[in-house]
Protein backbone atom coordinates (compact mmCIF):
# COMPACT_ATOMS: atom_id res chain seq x y z
CA MET A 1 -7.54 -61.96 78.63
CA SER A 2 -9.51 -62.16 82.20
CA ALA A 3 -12.47 -60.39 82.33
CA PRO A 4 -12.19 -57.26 84.54
CA VAL A 5 -12.52 -57.68 88.53
CA VAL A 6 -15.11 -55.17 90.80
CA GLY A 7 -12.50 -52.98 92.81
CA LYS A 8 -10.25 -52.75 90.05
CA LYS A 9 -9.14 -51.01 87.46
CA ILE A 10 -10.77 -52.11 83.57
CA PRO A 11 -8.38 -52.76 80.74
CA ASP A 12 -7.58 -49.33 78.07
CA VAL A 13 -9.26 -51.02 75.24
CA ALA A 14 -9.30 -48.66 71.42
CA LEU A 15 -12.97 -48.54 70.11
CA THR A 16 -14.26 -47.40 67.02
CA LEU A 17 -17.19 -45.31 67.72
CA THR A 18 -20.94 -44.74 65.81
CA GLY A 19 -20.08 -41.35 63.60
CA GLU A 20 -16.32 -43.27 62.65
CA ARG A 21 -14.80 -41.92 65.54
CA SER A 22 -12.38 -43.58 67.77
CA ALA A 23 -11.90 -43.40 71.25
CA ARG A 24 -10.55 -45.60 73.93
CA LEU A 25 -11.61 -46.81 78.04
CA SER A 26 -9.89 -44.61 79.33
CA ASP A 27 -11.05 -40.67 77.32
CA TYR A 28 -14.44 -41.66 79.46
CA ARG A 29 -12.19 -40.83 82.99
CA GLY A 30 -13.93 -38.61 85.07
CA LYS A 31 -17.60 -39.51 84.86
CA PRO A 32 -18.74 -42.34 85.50
CA LEU A 33 -20.30 -44.61 82.10
CA VAL A 34 -21.84 -47.47 81.73
CA LEU A 35 -20.64 -50.17 79.01
CA TYR A 36 -23.81 -52.45 77.72
CA PHE A 37 -22.86 -55.20 75.03
CA TYR A 38 -25.96 -57.11 73.53
CA PRO A 39 -26.18 -59.72 70.90
CA LYS A 40 -27.34 -58.12 67.84
CA ALA A 41 -28.23 -55.15 66.52
CA SER A 42 -31.63 -54.53 65.05
CA THR A 43 -33.20 -57.43 66.69
CA PRO A 44 -36.38 -57.31 69.26
CA GLY A 45 -34.16 -57.12 72.91
CA CYS A 46 -30.94 -55.27 71.72
CA THR A 47 -33.89 -52.77 70.76
CA GLN A 48 -35.77 -52.82 73.58
CA GLU A 49 -32.79 -52.65 75.64
CA GLY A 50 -31.69 -49.39 73.63
CA LEU A 51 -35.22 -47.92 73.53
CA ASP A 52 -33.89 -48.29 77.72
CA PHE A 53 -31.22 -46.25 77.86
CA SER A 54 -32.71 -44.27 75.63
CA ALA A 55 -35.59 -43.32 77.25
CA ALA A 56 -33.93 -42.94 81.11
CA ILE A 57 -31.48 -40.86 79.88
CA ALA A 58 -32.24 -37.20 81.65
CA LYS A 59 -31.27 -38.95 84.48
CA PHE A 60 -28.35 -40.29 83.72
CA ARG A 61 -26.84 -37.41 82.94
CA ARG A 62 -27.81 -36.09 85.34
CA GLN A 63 -25.86 -38.11 87.16
CA SER A 64 -22.82 -37.47 84.97
CA CYS A 65 -22.73 -41.16 83.70
CA VAL A 66 -21.90 -42.12 80.28
CA ILE A 67 -23.29 -44.33 78.13
CA LEU A 68 -22.12 -46.76 75.39
CA GLY A 69 -23.15 -49.84 74.11
CA ALA A 70 -21.89 -52.73 72.11
CA SER A 71 -21.87 -55.69 70.18
CA ARG A 72 -19.72 -57.19 67.67
CA ASP A 73 -21.60 -55.63 64.64
CA SER A 74 -19.97 -53.79 61.82
CA LEU A 75 -20.42 -49.59 62.32
CA LYS A 76 -21.68 -49.61 59.09
CA ALA A 77 -24.63 -51.81 61.68
CA GLN A 78 -23.95 -49.90 64.23
CA THR A 79 -24.63 -46.79 62.87
CA ASN A 80 -27.85 -47.92 61.25
CA PHE A 81 -29.33 -48.90 64.30
CA LYS A 82 -28.57 -45.89 66.54
CA THR A 83 -29.83 -44.01 63.63
CA LYS A 84 -32.81 -45.50 62.68
CA GLN A 85 -34.49 -45.60 67.23
CA GLY A 86 -32.46 -42.35 67.75
CA PHE A 87 -30.08 -43.59 70.47
CA PRO A 88 -29.25 -40.26 71.99
CA PHE A 89 -25.74 -42.24 72.92
CA ASP A 90 -22.63 -44.30 71.16
CA LEU A 91 -22.76 -47.26 69.92
CA VAL A 92 -19.45 -49.76 69.64
CA ALA A 93 -18.82 -51.56 66.72
CA ASP A 94 -16.46 -54.11 67.65
CA PRO A 95 -15.85 -57.27 64.88
CA ASP A 96 -13.00 -58.08 65.97
CA GLU A 97 -14.35 -58.78 69.37
CA VAL A 98 -11.46 -57.06 71.23
CA LEU A 99 -12.98 -55.56 73.65
CA CYS A 100 -15.68 -58.20 74.57
CA ASN A 101 -13.09 -60.50 74.74
CA ALA A 102 -11.89 -57.58 77.58
CA PHE A 103 -14.95 -58.01 79.60
CA ASP A 104 -15.51 -62.02 79.09
CA VAL A 105 -18.95 -61.39 77.07
CA ILE A 106 -18.59 -64.33 74.41
CA LYS A 107 -19.92 -67.12 75.45
CA LEU A 108 -21.36 -70.70 73.64
CA LYS A 109 -25.29 -70.34 73.55
CA ASN A 110 -27.65 -72.77 72.49
CA MET A 111 -29.85 -71.66 69.55
CA TYR A 112 -31.48 -73.48 67.25
CA GLY A 113 -30.57 -76.69 68.50
CA LYS A 114 -26.56 -75.94 67.58
CA GLN A 115 -23.99 -74.13 69.95
CA VAL A 116 -22.60 -70.65 68.67
CA ARG A 117 -20.57 -68.16 70.01
CA GLY A 118 -22.48 -64.85 70.98
CA ILE A 119 -22.02 -62.55 73.75
CA GLU A 120 -24.36 -62.49 76.94
CA ARG A 121 -26.24 -59.70 77.13
CA SER A 122 -23.87 -57.46 80.23
CA THR A 123 -23.41 -54.44 81.33
CA PHE A 124 -20.43 -52.94 83.15
CA LEU A 125 -20.96 -50.04 85.59
CA ILE A 126 -17.50 -47.98 85.90
CA ASP A 127 -16.74 -45.18 87.85
CA ALA A 128 -15.08 -41.88 87.17
CA ASP A 129 -11.63 -43.06 88.25
CA GLY A 130 -11.97 -46.02 85.21
CA LYS A 131 -12.51 -49.02 88.52
CA LEU A 132 -15.82 -51.83 87.70
CA ARG A 133 -17.39 -50.86 90.53
CA ARG A 134 -20.75 -53.07 89.56
CA GLU A 135 -21.35 -56.38 86.58
CA TRP A 136 -24.80 -57.49 85.51
CA ARG A 137 -24.04 -60.89 83.57
CA GLY A 138 -26.63 -62.91 81.86
CA VAL A 139 -29.03 -59.81 81.84
CA LYS A 140 -32.63 -60.00 81.19
CA VAL A 141 -34.16 -56.90 79.63
CA LYS A 142 -37.19 -55.95 81.52
CA GLY A 143 -36.65 -53.29 84.50
CA HIS A 144 -32.34 -53.51 83.88
CA VAL A 145 -32.02 -49.90 83.02
CA ASP A 146 -33.53 -49.17 86.49
CA GLU A 147 -31.14 -51.03 88.57
CA VAL A 148 -28.19 -49.59 86.42
CA LEU A 149 -29.31 -46.04 87.36
CA ASP A 150 -30.03 -47.13 91.16
CA ALA A 151 -26.35 -47.93 91.17
CA VAL A 152 -25.02 -45.18 88.99
CA LYS A 153 -26.73 -43.29 91.94
CA ALA A 154 -25.29 -44.94 94.90
CA LEU A 155 -21.72 -44.61 93.38
CA LYS A 156 -22.23 -40.89 94.74
CA GLN A 157 -23.64 -41.50 97.78
């Protein structure tokens, strides 16, 4: 499966959400959706990114925007992460990498001198019609949420 292309519809992937709920990406049509991928639940950078999105949740909601965080972690790990950090948005458990592969976020990374497969921190902005409007790959956490919020606001202009 190839990565979605800016301006084109995203694939309609089935999701396993915290709260043991199922959904599809198409269920979020009608509102902008920020889908962000992070390498691993409960690690420092991933925690900070989630906390940054949490801190800005009211601003995203004023834009009618939904946020979903996703990683390859199990549903249990995602649930624990969400509960411990008090995230006001759902996390997606993608241990089978279906969603990750649909957005082409699995990359070879160097860790302690070895090459390992892992998620490249990435964010996707999907409009109310289900079209990809922006993508950020190789994200640095600091300042990222503000940049995403600016892009969400620009959708309405």
